[in-house]
Protein backbone atom coordinates (compact mmCIF):
# COMPACT_ATOMS: atom_id res chain seq x y z
CA UNK A 1 26.91 101.34 -65.47
CA UNK A 2 24.60 104.32 -66.50
CA UNK A 3 25.63 107.90 -66.22
CA UNK A 4 25.13 109.58 -62.89
CA UNK A 5 21.73 111.99 -64.12
CA UNK A 6 22.96 114.37 -61.94
CA UNK A 7 26.52 115.45 -64.11
CA UNK A 8 23.64 116.42 -67.09
CA UNK A 9 21.55 118.20 -64.96
CA UNK A 10 24.03 120.78 -63.71
CA UNK A 11 25.23 121.24 -66.77
CA UNK A 12 22.31 122.11 -68.52
CA UNK A 13 21.35 124.26 -65.38
CA UNK A 14 24.36 126.33 -65.96
CA UNK A 15 24.21 127.16 -69.27
CA UNK A 16 20.81 128.37 -68.55
CA UNK A 17 21.75 130.96 -65.73
CA UNK A 18 21.63 128.96 -62.46
CA UNK A 19 24.46 129.53 -59.87
CA UNK A 20 23.84 126.18 -58.52
CA UNK A 21 21.97 123.03 -58.54
CA UNK A 22 21.41 120.25 -56.05
CA UNK A 23 18.89 117.46 -55.31
CA UNK A 24 16.65 116.01 -52.86
CA UNK A 25 13.95 113.05 -52.05
CA UNK A 26 10.91 114.80 -52.29
CA UNK A 27 9.15 111.57 -50.90
CA UNK A 28 10.50 111.17 -47.37
CA UNK A 29 8.83 112.53 -44.44
CA UNK A 30 9.54 116.36 -42.96
CA UNK A 31 8.81 118.62 -40.62
CA UNK A 32 8.62 121.74 -42.36
CA UNK A 33 4.08 120.83 -43.09
CA UNK A 34 4.09 120.69 -39.42
CA UNK A 35 5.86 124.17 -38.64
CA UNK A 36 3.90 126.15 -41.37
CA UNK A 37 0.60 124.32 -39.84
CA UNK A 38 1.60 126.32 -36.67
CA UNK A 39 2.50 129.52 -38.32
CA UNK A 40 -1.20 129.55 -39.73
CA UNK A 41 -2.61 128.43 -36.17
CA UNK A 42 -0.89 131.07 -34.45
CA UNK A 43 -2.33 133.90 -37.23
CA UNK A 44 1.06 135.24 -38.28
CA UNK A 45 0.08 134.30 -41.96
CA UNK A 46 -1.58 137.75 -41.37
CA UNK A 47 -4.31 138.33 -44.30
CA UNK A 48 -2.41 135.97 -46.58
CA UNK A 49 -5.53 133.61 -47.09
CA UNK A 50 -4.26 131.33 -49.26
CA UNK A 51 -1.52 130.04 -47.30
CA UNK A 52 -4.62 128.35 -45.29
CA UNK A 53 -6.45 127.61 -47.62
CA UNK A 54 -3.85 126.03 -49.51
CA UNK A 55 -1.80 124.53 -46.13
CA UNK A 56 -2.66 120.94 -46.61
CA UNK A 57 -0.86 121.16 -50.42
CA UNK A 58 1.93 122.83 -49.17
CA UNK A 59 2.58 120.32 -45.87
CA UNK A 60 4.95 117.58 -48.07
CA UNK A 61 6.08 117.85 -52.00
CA UNK A 62 4.20 114.55 -52.53
CA UNK A 63 0.56 116.61 -51.50
CA UNK A 64 1.33 118.52 -54.61
CA UNK A 65 1.97 115.43 -56.76
CA UNK A 66 1.82 111.79 -55.41
CA UNK A 67 4.03 110.43 -57.84
CA UNK A 68 6.64 113.16 -57.00
CA UNK A 69 10.37 111.24 -56.02
CA UNK A 70 13.02 113.37 -56.87
CA UNK A 71 13.43 117.61 -55.91
CA UNK A 72 15.52 119.06 -58.70
CA UNK A 73 16.12 122.67 -56.70
CA UNK A 74 17.84 125.40 -58.42
CA UNK A 75 19.26 128.68 -57.31
CA UNK A 76 19.96 132.25 -59.73
CA UNK A 77 22.12 135.04 -58.12
CA UNK A 78 20.66 138.38 -57.44
CA UNK A 79 22.73 139.81 -55.16
CA UNK A 80 23.16 144.08 -55.72
CA UNK A 81 26.37 145.34 -56.78
CA UNK A 82 26.93 147.19 -53.62
CA UNK A 83 25.52 147.30 -49.76
CA UNK A 84 21.97 148.62 -50.62
CA UNK A 85 21.51 149.89 -46.62
CA UNK A 86 23.04 153.82 -47.24
CA UNK A 87 19.71 154.25 -49.47
CA UNK A 88 17.52 154.22 -46.62
CA UNK A 89 19.37 157.25 -45.39
CA UNK A 90 17.74 159.45 -48.43
CA UNK A 91 14.48 160.40 -47.04
CA UNK A 92 13.34 162.17 -50.67
CA UNK A 93 13.88 158.97 -52.05
CA UNK A 94 11.90 155.50 -51.94
CA UNK A 95 13.54 152.50 -50.99
CA UNK A 96 13.04 148.98 -53.53
CA UNK A 97 13.71 145.79 -52.34
CA UNK A 98 16.71 144.52 -54.06
CA UNK A 99 14.82 141.75 -55.47
CA UNK A 100 12.26 143.84 -57.27
CA UNK A 101 14.46 146.31 -59.45
CA UNK A 102 15.02 144.01 -62.37
CA UNK A 103 12.78 142.07 -64.31
CA UNK A 104 9.96 140.06 -62.54
CA UNK A 105 12.44 137.03 -61.46
CA UNK A 106 8.98 134.38 -61.66
CA UNK A 107 9.17 134.88 -65.15
CA UNK A 108 12.93 135.06 -65.74
CA UNK A 109 13.25 131.85 -63.47
CA UNK A 110 10.08 129.74 -65.12
CA UNK A 111 10.63 130.32 -68.66
CA UNK A 112 14.27 128.62 -67.74
CA UNK A 113 13.28 125.95 -65.54
CA UNK A 114 10.56 124.44 -68.45
CA UNK A 115 13.64 124.18 -70.98
CA UNK A 116 15.54 122.43 -68.47
CA UNK A 117 12.66 120.15 -67.61
CA UNK A 118 12.05 119.41 -71.01
CA UNK A 119 15.49 118.48 -71.41
CA UNK A 120 15.36 115.98 -68.61
CA UNK A 121 12.10 114.91 -69.31
CA UNK A 122 13.52 113.56 -72.50
CA UNK A 123 16.94 112.61 -71.20
CA UNK A 124 15.32 110.55 -67.88
CA UNK A 125 11.65 109.15 -70.11
CA UNK A 126 9.75 110.30 -66.79
CA UNK A 127 7.27 113.37 -66.19
CA UNK A 128 8.30 116.39 -64.26
CA UNK A 129 6.25 119.68 -63.31
CA UNK A 130 8.03 122.38 -63.25
CA UNK A 131 7.40 125.31 -59.62
CA UNK A 132 8.59 128.93 -58.49
CA UNK A 133 7.34 130.18 -55.35
CA UNK A 134 4.02 131.47 -56.84
CA UNK A 135 2.61 127.64 -56.32
CA UNK A 136 1.99 126.00 -52.75
CA UNK A 137 5.14 124.51 -52.37
CA UNK A 138 7.51 124.93 -49.81
CA UNK A 139 11.15 125.96 -51.83
CA UNK A 140 13.07 126.88 -48.75
CA UNK A 141 12.85 123.68 -47.06
CA UNK A 142 13.68 121.62 -50.08
CA UNK A 143 16.25 124.01 -50.58
CA UNK A 144 18.07 123.38 -47.28
CA UNK A 145 17.48 119.20 -47.94
CA UNK A 146 19.16 119.28 -51.01
CA UNK A 147 22.10 121.72 -49.33
CA UNK A 148 21.87 124.83 -51.52
CA UNK A 149 21.76 126.53 -47.62
CA UNK A 150 19.84 126.68 -44.63
CA UNK A 151 17.14 128.85 -43.63
CA UNK A 152 18.38 131.49 -41.30
CA UNK A 153 16.96 133.09 -37.88
CA UNK A 154 15.42 134.94 -40.36
CA UNK A 155 13.57 132.59 -41.65
CA UNK A 156 15.10 133.13 -45.41
CA UNK A 157 17.59 130.79 -47.27
CA UNK A 158 21.02 131.79 -46.27
CA UNK A 159 23.78 130.23 -48.49
CA UNK A 160 27.58 129.93 -47.99
CA UNK A 161 28.46 131.02 -51.11
CA UNK A 162 25.94 133.66 -52.13
CA UNK A 163 24.75 135.08 -49.05
CA UNK A 164 21.04 136.14 -48.61
CA UNK A 165 20.47 136.82 -52.41
CA UNK A 166 19.28 133.48 -54.11
CA UNK A 167 16.08 133.18 -55.99
CA UNK A 168 15.04 129.72 -55.63
CA UNK A 169 13.21 127.30 -58.61
CA UNK A 170 12.29 123.54 -57.97
CA UNK A 171 11.39 121.24 -60.67
CA UNK A 172 9.96 117.79 -59.56
CA UNK A 173 10.40 114.67 -60.89
CA UNK A 174 9.14 111.08 -60.93
CA UNK A 175 12.68 109.59 -61.33
CA UNK A 176 14.63 108.53 -58.68
CA UNK A 177 17.95 110.41 -58.79
CA UNK A 178 20.90 110.41 -55.99
CA UNK A 179 20.12 112.89 -53.21
CA UNK A 180 22.93 115.43 -52.69
CA UNK A 181 23.76 115.91 -48.67
CA UNK A 182 21.16 118.55 -46.89
CA UNK A 183 22.84 121.53 -45.43
CA UNK A 184 23.19 122.03 -41.47
CA UNK A 185 22.72 125.67 -40.15
CA UNK A 186 25.69 128.11 -39.96
CA UNK A 187 23.76 131.04 -38.06
CA UNK A 188 26.04 130.22 -34.32
CA UNK A 189 25.53 133.22 -31.92
CA UNK A 190 24.94 135.80 -34.45
CA UNK A 191 21.20 137.76 -33.95
CA UNK A 192 22.43 140.37 -36.56
CA UNK A 193 19.25 139.49 -38.64
CA UNK A 194 16.72 140.15 -35.72
CA UNK A 195 18.64 142.98 -34.45
CA UNK A 196 18.25 144.97 -38.18
CA UNK A 197 14.43 144.63 -38.14
CA UNK A 198 12.64 147.69 -37.71
CA UNK A 199 9.24 146.19 -36.44
CA UNK A 200 10.40 143.04 -34.33
CA UNK A 201 8.51 140.96 -36.52
CA UNK A 202 10.72 138.01 -35.29
CA UNK A 203 9.25 136.51 -31.99
CA UNK A 204 11.98 134.26 -31.46
CA UNK A 205 14.49 133.34 -33.92
CA UNK A 206 13.77 130.94 -37.02
CA UNK A 207 10.10 132.64 -35.96
CA UNK A 208 8.51 135.10 -38.42
CA UNK A 209 5.39 137.09 -37.84
CA UNK A 210 3.95 138.31 -41.58
CA UNK A 211 2.12 141.13 -39.77
CA UNK A 212 4.56 142.74 -38.36
CA UNK A 213 6.81 142.65 -41.54
CA UNK A 214 7.25 145.58 -43.76
CA UNK A 215 7.60 143.19 -46.78
CA UNK A 216 4.16 141.98 -45.94
CA UNK A 217 2.85 144.92 -45.14
CA UNK A 218 4.45 146.59 -48.44
CA UNK A 219 3.18 143.90 -50.72
CA UNK A 220 0.92 141.72 -49.61
CA UNK A 221 -1.22 143.88 -47.05
CA UNK A 222 -3.95 145.71 -49.09
CA UNK A 223 -5.84 148.31 -46.22
CA UNK A 224 -4.28 151.10 -44.80
CA UNK A 225 -1.64 149.79 -41.96
CA UNK A 226 -1.73 149.61 -38.64
CA UNK A 227 -0.28 153.09 -37.25
CA UNK A 228 2.42 151.50 -34.97
CA UNK A 229 4.08 150.82 -38.65
CA UNK A 230 3.97 153.69 -40.55
CA UNK A 231 6.58 155.33 -39.10
CA UNK A 232 8.54 152.83 -38.79
CA UNK A 233 8.50 152.03 -42.63
CA UNK A 234 10.78 155.19 -43.02
CA UNK A 235 11.24 155.20 -46.91
CA UNK A 236 10.73 151.73 -47.38
CA UNK A 237 7.76 151.62 -50.57
CA UNK A 238 8.27 148.03 -51.59
CA UNK A 239 9.68 145.84 -49.46
CA UNK A 240 12.16 145.63 -46.86
CA UNK A 241 15.68 143.99 -46.91
CA UNK A 242 17.47 144.92 -43.38
CA UNK A 243 17.37 141.39 -42.67
CA UNK A 244 18.81 139.69 -45.90
CA UNK A 245 21.33 142.59 -45.94
CA UNK A 246 22.38 142.62 -42.52
CA UNK A 247 23.87 139.08 -42.31
CA UNK A 248 27.60 138.39 -42.13
CA UNK A 249 27.40 135.66 -44.82
CA UNK A 250 26.43 138.23 -47.35
CA UNK A 251 30.77 138.69 -47.62
CA UNK A 252 30.75 135.74 -49.88
CA UNK A 253 27.99 137.30 -52.07
CA UNK A 254 28.15 138.67 -56.00
CA UNK A 255 26.71 140.93 -58.25
CA UNK A 256 23.76 139.29 -59.94
CA UNK A 257 25.20 138.22 -63.63
CA UNK A 258 21.61 137.58 -65.19
CA UNK A 259 21.17 140.90 -66.93
CA UNK A 260 17.40 141.24 -65.99
CA UNK A 261 17.42 140.73 -62.67
CA UNK A 262 20.38 143.77 -62.06
CA UNK A 263 18.68 146.67 -61.04
CA UNK A 264 17.40 149.38 -63.54
CA UNK A 265 18.90 152.91 -62.37
CA UNK A 266 14.65 154.15 -62.06
CA UNK A 267 14.38 151.78 -59.82
CA UNK A 268 17.18 152.55 -57.04
CA UNK A 269 16.45 155.31 -55.29
CA UNK A 270 13.10 156.70 -57.23
CA UNK A 271 12.90 160.52 -55.79
CA UNK A 272 9.36 160.36 -54.03
CA UNK A 273 8.09 163.70 -55.75
CA UNK A 274 8.13 162.15 -59.14
CA UNK A 275 6.38 158.47 -57.65
CA UNK A 276 3.42 161.19 -55.93
CA UNK A 277 2.87 162.32 -59.37
CA UNK A 278 2.09 158.73 -60.72
CA UNK A 279 -1.15 158.12 -62.76
CA UNK A 280 -1.98 154.13 -63.76
CA UNK A 281 -0.27 154.22 -66.98
CA UNK A 282 2.60 156.18 -65.85
CA UNK A 283 2.67 153.39 -63.33
CA UNK A 284 2.55 150.32 -65.84
CA UNK A 285 5.26 152.22 -67.72
CA UNK A 286 7.24 152.47 -64.85
CA UNK A 287 7.01 149.25 -63.56
CA UNK A 288 6.36 146.88 -67.01
CA UNK A 289 8.07 143.77 -66.39
CA UNK A 290 9.19 144.72 -62.48
CA UNK A 291 7.46 142.74 -59.74
CA UNK A 292 6.00 146.01 -58.30
CA UNK A 293 3.71 146.00 -60.92
CA UNK A 294 1.32 143.18 -59.36
CA UNK A 295 0.04 145.27 -56.28
CA UNK A 296 -1.38 147.97 -58.13
CA UNK A 297 -0.91 152.07 -58.41
CA UNK A 298 -2.88 152.72 -55.21
CA UNK A 299 -1.55 150.03 -52.94
CA UNK A 300 1.65 151.37 -54.22
CA UNK A 301 0.90 155.58 -53.51
CA UNK A 302 -0.01 154.07 -50.41
CA UNK A 303 3.55 153.26 -49.64
CA UNK A 304 4.94 156.08 -50.73
CA UNK A 305 2.64 158.34 -48.77
CA UNK A 306 3.79 156.97 -45.98
CA UNK A 307 7.22 157.49 -46.80
CA UNK A 308 6.76 161.06 -48.10
CA UNK A 309 4.95 161.46 -44.37
CA UNK A 310 8.37 159.99 -43.07
CA UNK A 311 10.86 162.41 -44.87
CA UNK A 312 10.54 165.95 -43.28
CA UNK A 313 10.50 167.17 -46.93
CA UNK A 314 7.56 169.95 -46.78
CA UNK A 315 8.65 170.36 -50.76
CA UNK A 316 6.05 167.41 -50.92
CA UNK A 317 2.98 168.86 -49.28
CA UNK A 318 1.49 170.07 -52.65
CA UNK A 319 2.10 166.94 -54.38
CA UNK A 320 0.38 165.31 -51.23
CA UNK A 321 -2.67 167.73 -50.88
CA UNK A 322 -3.46 166.48 -54.44
CA UNK A 323 -4.14 163.27 -53.67
CA UNK A 324 -6.54 163.82 -51.17
CA UNK A 325 -8.76 164.17 -54.22
CA UNK A 326 -7.57 160.75 -55.28
CA UNK A 327 -10.27 158.55 -56.84
CA UNK A 328 -9.03 155.71 -55.17
CA UNK A 329 -10.01 156.08 -51.08
CA UNK A 330 -6.95 154.13 -49.91
CA UNK A 331 -4.67 156.61 -51.46
CA UNK A 332 -6.77 159.41 -50.14
CA UNK A 333 -6.48 157.85 -46.26
CA UNK A 334 -2.45 157.45 -46.89
CA UNK A 335 -2.60 161.23 -47.97
CA UNK A 336 -4.67 162.00 -45.01
CA UNK A 337 -1.76 160.98 -42.66
CA UNK A 338 1.31 162.40 -44.79
CA UNK A 339 -0.12 165.82 -44.60
CA UNK A 340 -0.58 165.45 -40.98
CA UNK A 341 2.74 164.69 -40.49
CA UNK A 342 4.27 167.10 -43.13
CA UNK A 343 2.42 170.24 -42.41
CA UNK A 344 0.05 170.21 -39.24
CA UNK A 345 -1.44 173.76 -39.94
CA UNK A 346 -2.74 173.21 -43.29
CA UNK A 347 -3.87 169.44 -41.70
CA UNK A 348 -5.97 171.40 -38.98
CA UNK A 349 -7.35 174.21 -41.78
CA UNK A 350 -8.78 171.25 -43.93
CA UNK A 351 -9.93 168.94 -41.39
CA UNK A 352 -13.65 170.17 -40.71
CA UNK A 353 -14.39 170.73 -44.68
CA UNK A 354 -12.72 167.23 -45.61
CA UNK A 355 -14.57 165.15 -43.15
CA UNK A 356 -17.63 167.05 -44.15
CA UNK A 357 -16.97 166.10 -47.87
CA UNK A 358 -15.49 162.57 -47.65
CA UNK A 359 -17.86 159.70 -48.08
CA UNK A 360 -15.41 156.72 -46.92
CA UNK A 361 -15.33 155.92 -43.66
CA UNK A 362 -12.02 154.71 -43.39
CA UNK A 363 -10.86 158.18 -44.89
CA UNK A 364 -12.90 160.32 -42.61
CA UNK A 365 -11.46 157.92 -39.71
CA UNK A 366 -7.46 159.20 -40.69
CA UNK A 367 -8.84 162.52 -40.49
CA UNK A 368 -10.09 162.13 -37.40
CA UNK A 369 -7.77 159.98 -35.69
CA UNK A 370 -4.42 161.57 -37.46
CA UNK A 371 -2.24 162.51 -34.45
CA UNK A 372 -0.47 165.40 -35.01
CA UNK A 373 3.07 166.56 -34.61
CA UNK A 374 4.28 168.26 -31.09
CA UNK A 375 4.23 172.01 -32.08
CA UNK A 376 7.63 173.88 -30.99
CA UNK A 377 7.38 174.39 -26.80
CA UNK A 378 4.89 171.35 -26.81
CA UNK A 379 7.21 168.86 -25.54
CA UNK A 380 8.06 165.72 -27.22
């Protein structure tokens, strides 16, 4: 009788730093594709047009590769060494999502997956394909089918052993490998994740409207934010962990053991004053090998300026005013809003001259439409 290939694969996966490795059918029917189609039809994907253009390929693993028979689903822990939420109470510092404080996990995981996939192909003599979440493959439903965890009410994967903090990778193979038992949902009556969301991004349990999500706005959204979300972001400048960090299952989570995924000190509560001074070379240096780098300096500065406007720190006014003349219209527009929040009198004094000298209509609209905080005695 041939040895169970799962034993060999799990052993190799553990040696490569994966905390969990399980198996699922890649060819059996599932409902995840239909759920995704409803999400897109409701326009809850926002400006992420790639979700619509790749919808058919995302519908099922075999739509990506019709030869796929088994999904090998792997998880790598990236848990923080402490609860990150107290950092939200530091208005003069920016909050960067836990997942983005170390090296880009795509690079870390993809390299390990390729090594493992090569070993599997050599051992089983069957074709394999490697996926991290930049490819149109729905890892979270596969992870639930394989038994790594379940999609919680916040739609993210939850694990009974790792809580909220698991990066996922998938190897599809043409080999038929016995599947593990799927995981059932263990949220019960808990709504901690839904209650924690600062922008009410969950229309119902197990549903998300990306257009209201601060992770989407800080990372995926390319323009000036809708005004209703700028104050709600607080000091969050890249991503948001509120729904993840609120989950009671995190009591079983452990800190990341992979050195490249551990937080860099420079990315834990970085001072807004320092971030406002970043030019493009300095931005690229600070965020070398970080996923933050992919959104670019201008979009990042937009986020930092919204946080500065929420900070109440008048010491940031000079840095904000300098960015009113930035080459990027996105940055100028965000600086306009931040100045109106931090220094209403200086904003009013500069408004007419700035309107006359500004060529970009979106920035002009910021000067026209930014509401100023009430002066003492003028009410709430």
